[in-house]
PDB file of all heavy atoms in Angstrom:
ATOM      1  N   LEU A   1       0.812  -1.216   0.000  1.00  0.00           N
ATOM      2  CA  LEU A   1       0.000   0.000   0.000  1.00  0.00           C
ATOM      3  C   LEU A   1       0.845   1.266   0.000  1.00  0.00           C
ATOM      4  O   LEU A   1       0.575   2.202  -0.753  1.00  0.00           O
ATOM      5  CB  LEU A   1      -0.944  -0.004   1.212  1.00  0.00           C
ATOM      6  CG  LEU A   1      -1.884   1.188   1.329  1.00  0.00           C
ATOM      7  CD1 LEU A   1      -2.783   1.279   0.099  1.00  0.00           C
ATOM      8  CD2 LEU A   1      -2.722   1.080   2.593  1.00  0.00           C
ATOM      9  N   ASP A   2       1.882   1.297   0.834  1.00  0.00           N
ATOM     10  CA  ASP A   2       2.731   2.494   0.892  1.00  0.00           C
ATOM     11  C   ASP A   2       3.381   2.785  -0.455  1.00  0.00           C
ATOM     12  O   ASP A   2       3.410   3.935  -0.907  1.00  0.00           O
ATOM     13  CB  ASP A   2       3.807   2.350   1.966  1.00  0.00           C
ATOM     14  CG  ASP A   2       3.256   2.478   3.375  1.00  0.00           C
ATOM     15  OD1 ASP A   2       2.179   3.094   3.537  1.00  0.00           O
ATOM     16  OD2 ASP A   2       3.905   1.974   4.310  1.00  0.00           O
ATOM     17  N   ASP A   3       3.907   1.746  -1.105  1.00  0.00           N
ATOM     18  CA  ASP A   3       4.524   1.935  -2.416  1.00  0.00           C
ATOM     19  C   ASP A   3       3.479   2.319  -3.458  1.00  0.00           C
ATOM     20  O   ASP A   3       3.758   3.112  -4.364  1.00  0.00           O
ATOM     21  CB  ASP A   3       5.270   0.680  -2.853  1.00  0.00           C
ATOM     22  CG  ASP A   3       6.552   0.459  -2.074  1.00  0.00           C
ATOM     23  OD1 ASP A   3       7.078   1.448  -1.503  1.00  0.00           O
ATOM     24  OD2 ASP A   3       7.040  -0.687  -2.030  1.00  0.00           O
ATOM     25  N   SER A   4       2.278   1.769  -3.338  1.00  0.00           N
ATOM     26  CA  SER A   4       1.197   2.124  -4.259  1.00  0.00           C
ATOM     27  C   SER A   4       0.862   3.610  -4.139  1.00  0.00           C
ATOM     28  O   SER A   4       0.691   4.303  -5.144  1.00  0.00           O
ATOM     29  CB  SER A   4      -0.060   1.307  -3.973  1.00  0.00           C
ATOM     30  OG  SER A   4       0.131  -0.046  -4.258  1.00  0.00           O
ATOM     31  N   ILE A   5       0.786   4.082  -2.908  1.00  0.00           N
ATOM     32  CA  ILE A   5       0.461   5.493  -2.682  1.00  0.00           C
ATOM     33  C   ILE A   5       1.564   6.392  -3.222  1.00  0.00           C
ATOM     34  O   ILE A   5       1.294   7.389  -3.903  1.00  0.00           O
ATOM     35  CB  ILE A   5       0.203   5.757  -1.185  1.00  0.00           C
ATOM     36  CG1 ILE A   5      -1.082   5.059  -0.753  1.00  0.00           C
ATOM     37  CG2 ILE A   5       0.138   7.254  -0.893  1.00  0.00           C
ATOM     38  CD1 ILE A   5      -1.319   5.042   0.737  1.00  0.00           C
ATOM     39  N   LYS A   6       2.808   6.033  -2.958  1.00  0.00           N
ATOM     40  CA  LYS A   6       3.935   6.827  -3.469  1.00  0.00           C
ATOM     41  C   LYS A   6       3.938   6.850  -4.992  1.00  0.00           C
ATOM     42  O   LYS A   6       4.158   7.891  -5.617  1.00  0.00           O
ATOM     43  CB  LYS A   6       5.261   6.275  -2.951  1.00  0.00           C
ATOM     44  CG  LYS A   6       5.489   6.549  -1.487  1.00  0.00           C
ATOM     45  CD  LYS A   6       6.786   5.909  -1.002  1.00  0.00           C
ATOM     46  CE  LYS A   6       6.936   6.061   0.506  1.00  0.00           C
ATOM     47  NZ  LYS A   6       8.097   5.356   1.027  1.00  0.00           N
ATOM     48  N   SER A   7       3.697   5.694  -5.595  1.00  0.00           N
ATOM     49  CA  SER A   7       3.662   5.610  -7.059  1.00  0.00           C
ATOM     50  C   SER A   7       2.512   6.424  -7.620  1.00  0.00           C
ATOM     51  O   SER A   7       2.658   7.127  -8.624  1.00  0.00           O
ATOM     52  CB  SER A   7       3.531   4.152  -7.510  1.00  0.00           C
ATOM     53  OG  SER A   7       4.683   3.430  -7.171  1.00  0.00           O
ATOM     54  N   PHE A   8       1.354   6.338  -6.976  1.00  0.00           N
ATOM     55  CA  PHE A   8       0.197   7.104  -7.411  1.00  0.00           C
ATOM     56  C   PHE A   8       0.486   8.602  -7.348  1.00  0.00           C
ATOM     57  O   PHE A   8       0.199   9.341  -8.296  1.00  0.00           O
ATOM     58  CB  PHE A   8      -1.024   6.763  -6.557  1.00  0.00           C
ATOM     59  CG  PHE A   8      -2.248   7.549  -6.926  1.00  0.00           C
ATOM     60  CD1 PHE A   8      -3.012   7.176  -8.020  1.00  0.00           C
ATOM     61  CD2 PHE A   8      -2.626   8.658  -6.199  1.00  0.00           C
ATOM     62  CE1 PHE A   8      -4.137   7.903  -8.374  1.00  0.00           C
ATOM     63  CE2 PHE A   8      -3.748   9.399  -6.541  1.00  0.00           C
ATOM     64  CZ  PHE A   8      -4.507   9.011  -7.632  1.00  0.00           C
ATOM     65  N   GLU A   9       1.067   9.049  -6.244  1.00  0.00           N
ATOM     66  CA  GLU A   9       1.390  10.473  -6.091  1.00  0.00           C
ATOM     67  C   GLU A   9       2.391  10.926  -7.151  1.00  0.00           C
ATOM     68  O   GLU A   9       2.264  12.019  -7.715  1.00  0.00           O
ATOM     69  CB  GLU A   9       1.928  10.741  -4.693  1.00  0.00           C
ATOM     70  CG  GLU A   9       0.870  10.633  -3.613  1.00  0.00           C
ATOM     71  CD  GLU A   9       1.429  10.698  -2.197  1.00  0.00           C
ATOM     72  OE1 GLU A   9       2.647  10.522  -1.998  1.00  0.00           O
ATOM     73  OE2 GLU A   9       0.620  10.924  -1.269  1.00  0.00           O
ATOM     74  N   GLU A  10       3.386  10.092  -7.420  1.00  0.00           N
ATOM     75  CA  GLU A  10       4.357  10.428  -8.472  1.00  0.00           C
ATOM     76  C   GLU A  10       3.655  10.504  -9.831  1.00  0.00           C
ATOM     77  O   GLU A  10       3.929  11.398 -10.633  1.00  0.00           O
ATOM     78  CB  GLU A  10       5.479   9.389  -8.514  1.00  0.00           C
ATOM     79  CG  GLU A  10       6.542   9.713  -9.549  1.00  0.00           C
ATOM     80  CD  GLU A  10       7.648   8.675  -9.622  1.00  0.00           C
ATOM     81  OE1 GLU A  10       7.606   7.666  -8.895  1.00  0.00           O
ATOM     82  OE2 GLU A  10       8.565   8.874 -10.443  1.00  0.00           O
ATOM     83  N   GLY A  11       2.744   9.575 -10.066  1.00  0.00           N
ATOM     84  CA  GLY A  11       1.990   9.575 -11.316  1.00  0.00           C
ATOM     85  C   GLY A  11       1.152  10.829 -11.485  1.00  0.00           C
ATOM     86  O   GLY A  11       1.096  11.407 -12.574  1.00  0.00           O
ATOM     87  N   VAL A  12       0.522  11.266 -10.417  1.00  0.00           N
ATOM     88  CA  VAL A  12      -0.288  12.488 -10.472  1.00  0.00           C
ATOM     89  C   VAL A  12       0.603  13.686 -10.821  1.00  0.00           C
ATOM     90  O   VAL A  12       0.234  14.522 -11.647  1.00  0.00           O
ATOM     91  CB  VAL A  12      -1.034  12.718  -9.132  1.00  0.00           C
ATOM     92  CG1 VAL A  12      -1.636  14.110  -9.071  1.00  0.00           C
ATOM     93  CG2 VAL A  12      -2.111  11.657  -8.940  1.00  0.00           C
ATOM     94  N   MET A  13       1.770  13.747 -10.209  1.00  0.00           N
ATOM     95  CA  MET A  13       2.698  14.857 -10.510  1.00  0.00           C
ATOM     96  C   MET A  13       3.143  14.801 -11.979  1.00  0.00           C
ATOM     97  O   MET A  13       3.245  15.834 -12.646  1.00  0.00           O
ATOM     98  CB  MET A  13       3.906  14.812  -9.582  1.00  0.00           C
ATOM     99  CG  MET A  13       3.561  15.206  -8.171  1.00  0.00           C
ATOM    100  SD  MET A  13       4.913  15.347  -6.956  1.00  0.00           S
ATOM    101  CE  MET A  13       6.333  14.666  -7.713  1.00  0.00           C
ATOM    102  N   LEU A  14       3.404  13.601 -12.478  1.00  0.00           N
ATOM    103  CA  LEU A  14       3.817  13.461 -13.874  1.00  0.00           C
ATOM    104  C   LEU A  14       2.694  13.862 -14.829  1.00  0.00           C
ATOM    105  O   LEU A  14       2.941  14.517 -15.843  1.00  0.00           O
ATOM    106  CB  LEU A  14       4.264  12.019 -14.157  1.00  0.00           C
ATOM    107  CG  LEU A  14       5.594  11.617 -13.548  1.00  0.00           C
ATOM    108  CD1 LEU A  14       5.788  10.103 -13.626  1.00  0.00           C
ATOM    109  CD2 LEU A  14       6.746  12.329 -14.239  1.00  0.00           C
ATOM    110  N   VAL A  15       1.462  13.488 -14.508  1.00  0.00           N
ATOM    111  CA  VAL A  15       0.320  13.871 -15.343  1.00  0.00           C
ATOM    112  C   VAL A  15       0.196  15.388 -15.387  1.00  0.00           C
ATOM    113  O   VAL A  15       0.012  15.982 -16.460  1.00  0.00           O
ATOM    114  CB  VAL A  15      -0.989  13.225 -14.831  1.00  0.00           C
ATOM    115  CG1 VAL A  15      -2.207  13.873 -15.464  1.00  0.00           C
ATOM    116  CG2 VAL A  15      -0.981  11.731 -15.097  1.00  0.00           C
ATOM    117  N   LYS A  16       0.316  16.028 -14.240  1.00  0.00           N
ATOM    118  CA  LYS A  16       0.218  17.490 -14.192  1.00  0.00           C
ATOM    119  C   LYS A  16       1.320  18.137 -15.015  1.00  0.00           C
ATOM    120  O   LYS A  16       1.087  19.116 -15.733  1.00  0.00           O
ATOM    121  CB  LYS A  16       0.273  17.981 -12.752  1.00  0.00           C
ATOM    122  CG  LYS A  16      -0.999  17.693 -11.978  1.00  0.00           C
ATOM    123  CD  LYS A  16      -0.906  18.187 -10.545  1.00  0.00           C
ATOM    124  CE  LYS A  16      -2.170  17.878  -9.774  1.00  0.00           C
ATOM    125  NZ  LYS A  16      -2.093  18.341  -8.380  1.00  0.00           N
ATOM    126  N   GLU A  17       2.530  17.603 -14.919  1.00  0.00           N
ATOM    127  CA  GLU A  17       3.647  18.150 -15.693  1.00  0.00           C
ATOM    128  C   GLU A  17       3.416  17.964 -17.192  1.00  0.00           C
ATOM    129  O   GLU A  17       3.656  18.879 -17.981  1.00  0.00           O
ATOM    130  CB  GLU A  17       4.961  17.492 -15.269  1.00  0.00           C
ATOM    131  CG  GLU A  17       6.175  18.025 -15.990  1.00  0.00           C
ATOM    132  CD  GLU A  17       6.420  19.519 -15.802  1.00  0.00           C
ATOM    133  OE1 GLU A  17       6.082  20.062 -14.725  1.00  0.00           O
ATOM    134  OE2 GLU A  17       6.944  20.146 -16.740  1.00  0.00           O
ATOM    135  N   CYS A  18       2.937  16.802 -17.578  1.00  0.00           N
ATOM    136  CA  CYS A  18       2.654  16.554 -18.999  1.00  0.00           C
ATOM    137  C   CYS A  18       1.551  17.485 -19.497  1.00  0.00           C
ATOM    138  O   CYS A  18       1.647  18.031 -20.598  1.00  0.00           O
ATOM    139  CB  CYS A  18       2.264  15.094 -19.224  1.00  0.00           C
ATOM    140  SG  CYS A  18       3.638  13.933 -19.096  1.00  0.00           S
ATOM    141  N   GLN A  19       0.502  17.653 -18.710  1.00  0.00           N
ATOM    142  CA  GLN A  19      -0.579  18.558 -19.097  1.00  0.00           C
ATOM    143  C   GLN A  19      -0.076  19.988 -19.249  1.00  0.00           C
ATOM    144  O   GLN A  19      -0.455  20.694 -20.183  1.00  0.00           O
ATOM    145  CB  GLN A  19      -1.710  18.512 -18.065  1.00  0.00           C
ATOM    146  CG  GLN A  19      -2.519  17.249 -18.122  1.00  0.00           C
ATOM    147  CD  GLN A  19      -3.560  17.161 -17.020  1.00  0.00           C
ATOM    148  OE1 GLN A  19      -3.396  17.724 -15.940  1.00  0.00           O
ATOM    149  NE2 GLN A  19      -4.637  16.443 -17.289  1.00  0.00           N
ATOM    150  N   LYS A  20       0.798  20.405 -18.348  1.00  0.00           N
ATOM    151  CA  LYS A  20       1.377  21.751 -18.423  1.00  0.00           C
ATOM    152  C   LYS A  20       2.175  21.914 -19.721  1.00  0.00           C
ATOM    153  O   LYS A  20       2.045  22.912 -20.421  1.00  0.00           O
ATOM    154  CB  LYS A  20       2.271  22.000 -17.216  1.00  0.00           C
ATOM    155  CG  LYS A  20       2.953  23.335 -17.216  1.00  0.00           C
ATOM    156  CD  LYS A  20       3.879  23.475 -16.024  1.00  0.00           C
ATOM    157  CE  LYS A  20       4.723  24.725 -16.158  1.00  0.00           C
ATOM    158  NZ  LYS A  20       5.832  24.752 -15.206  1.00  0.00           N
ATOM    159  N   GLN A  21       2.999  20.918 -20.029  1.00  0.00           N
ATOM    160  CA  GLN A  21       3.810  20.997 -21.233  1.00  0.00           C
ATOM    161  C   GLN A  21       2.937  20.985 -22.483  1.00  0.00           C
ATOM    162  O   GLN A  21       3.217  21.723 -23.444  1.00  0.00           O
ATOM    163  CB  GLN A  21       4.812  19.840 -21.272  1.00  0.00           C
ATOM    164  CG  GLN A  21       5.895  19.974 -20.229  1.00  0.00           C
ATOM    165  CD  GLN A  21       6.836  18.788 -20.200  1.00  0.00           C
ATOM    166  OE1 GLN A  21       6.750  17.872 -21.008  1.00  0.00           O
ATOM    167  NE2 GLN A  21       7.753  18.786 -19.239  1.00  0.00           N
ATOM    168  N   LEU A  22       1.869  20.200 -22.487  1.00  0.00           N
ATOM    169  CA  LEU A  22       0.961  20.183 -23.629  1.00  0.00           C
ATOM    170  C   LEU A  22       0.238  21.513 -23.790  1.00  0.00           C
ATOM    171  O   LEU A  22       0.072  22.005 -24.908  1.00  0.00           O
ATOM    172  CB  LEU A  22      -0.047  19.045 -23.492  1.00  0.00           C
ATOM    173  CG  LEU A  22       0.495  17.638 -23.719  1.00  0.00           C
ATOM    174  CD1 LEU A  22      -0.578  16.602 -23.388  1.00  0.00           C
ATOM    175  CD2 LEU A  22       0.986  17.459 -25.144  1.00  0.00           C
ATOM    176  N   SER A  23      -0.171  22.101 -22.682  1.00  0.00           N
ATOM    177  CA  SER A  23      -0.841  23.406 -22.735  1.00  0.00           C
ATOM    178  C   SER A  23       0.096  24.479 -23.280  1.00  0.00           C
ATOM    179  O   SER A  23      -0.311  25.323 -24.082  1.00  0.00           O
ATOM    180  CB  SER A  23      -1.335  23.812 -21.347  1.00  0.00           C
ATOM    181  OG  SER A  23      -2.356  22.954 -20.919  1.00  0.00           O
ATOM    182  N   GLU A  24       1.352  24.442 -22.843  1.00  0.00           N
ATOM    183  CA  GLU A  24       2.337  25.402 -23.335  1.00  0.00           C
ATOM    184  C   GLU A  24       2.573  25.219 -24.832  1.00  0.00           C
ATOM    185  O   GLU A  24       2.674  26.200 -25.571  1.00  0.00           O
ATOM    186  CB  GLU A  24       3.642  25.263 -22.564  1.00  0.00           C
ATOM    187  CG  GLU A  24       3.551  25.756 -21.133  1.00  0.00           C
ATOM    188  CD  GLU A  24       4.778  25.427 -20.291  1.00  0.00           C
ATOM    189  OE1 GLU A  24       5.710  24.759 -20.782  1.00  0.00           O
ATOM    190  OE2 GLU A  24       4.794  25.837 -19.111  1.00  0.00           O
ATOM    191  N   ALA A  25       2.638  23.988 -25.272  1.00  0.00           N
ATOM    192  CA  ALA A  25       2.835  23.718 -26.700  1.00  0.00           C
ATOM    193  C   ALA A  25       1.624  24.185 -27.506  1.00  0.00           C
ATOM    194  O   ALA A  25       1.772  24.793 -28.574  1.00  0.00           O
ATOM    195  CB  ALA A  25       3.082  22.232 -26.925  1.00  0.00           C
ATOM    196  N   GLU A  26       0.427  23.936 -26.972  1.00  0.00           N
ATOM    197  CA  GLU A  26      -0.795  24.376 -27.650  1.00  0.00           C
ATOM    198  C   GLU A  26      -0.841  25.896 -27.760  1.00  0.00           C
ATOM    199  O   GLU A  26      -1.218  26.445 -28.804  1.00  0.00           O
ATOM    200  CB  GLU A  26      -2.010  23.867 -26.898  1.00  0.00           C
ATOM    201  CG  GLU A  26      -3.327  24.204 -27.561  1.00  0.00           C
ATOM    202  CD  GLU A  26      -4.521  23.668 -26.797  1.00  0.00           C
ATOM    203  OE1 GLU A  26      -4.351  23.180 -25.664  1.00  0.00           O
ATOM    204  OE2 GLU A  26      -5.633  23.762 -27.339  1.00  0.00           O
ATOM    205  N   LEU A  27      -0.435  26.576 -26.707  1.00  0.00           N
ATOM    206  CA  LEU A  27      -0.410  28.038 -26.715  1.00  0.00           C
ATOM    207  C   LEU A  27       0.570  28.559 -27.764  1.00  0.00           C
ATOM    208  O   LEU A  27       0.261  29.486 -28.508  1.00  0.00           O
ATOM    209  CB  LEU A  27      -0.039  28.569 -25.326  1.00  0.00           C
ATOM    210  CG  LEU A  27      -0.039  30.079 -25.156  1.00  0.00           C
ATOM    211  CD1 LEU A  27      -1.430  30.658 -25.414  1.00  0.00           C
ATOM    212  CD2 LEU A  27       0.440  30.442 -23.768  1.00  0.00           C
ATOM    213  N   LYS A  28       1.742  27.948 -27.838  1.00  0.00           N
ATOM    214  CA  LYS A  28       2.731  28.359 -28.842  1.00  0.00           C
ATOM    215  C   LYS A  28       2.185  28.191 -30.248  1.00  0.00           C
ATOM    216  O   LYS A  28       2.364  29.053 -31.104  1.00  0.00           O
ATOM    217  CB  LYS A  28       4.019  27.545 -28.692  1.00  0.00           C
ATOM    218  CG  LYS A  28       4.878  27.963 -27.538  1.00  0.00           C
ATOM    219  CD  LYS A  28       6.146  27.133 -27.467  1.00  0.00           C
ATOM    220  CE  LYS A  28       6.982  27.495 -26.266  1.00  0.00           C
ATOM    221  NZ  LYS A  28       8.199  26.667 -26.173  1.00  0.00           N
ATOM    222  N   VAL A  29       1.510  27.072 -30.483  1.00  0.00           N
ATOM    223  CA  VAL A  29       0.959  26.815 -31.815  1.00  0.00           C
ATOM    224  C   VAL A  29      -0.149  27.807 -32.134  1.00  0.00           C
ATOM    225  O   VAL A  29      -0.208  28.359 -33.234  1.00  0.00           O
ATOM    226  CB  VAL A  29       0.435  25.356 -31.929  1.00  0.00           C
ATOM    227  CG1 VAL A  29      -0.374  25.159 -33.192  1.00  0.00           C
ATOM    228  CG2 VAL A  29       1.603  24.380 -31.878  1.00  0.00           C
TER     229      VAL A  29
END
């Protein structure tokens, strides 16, 4: 469970970072 929670939290941070980068790319275009 502890590793699952840590992995989930890392995944959420990665999703947010990817969304940010996609939004920035969309804005540039």
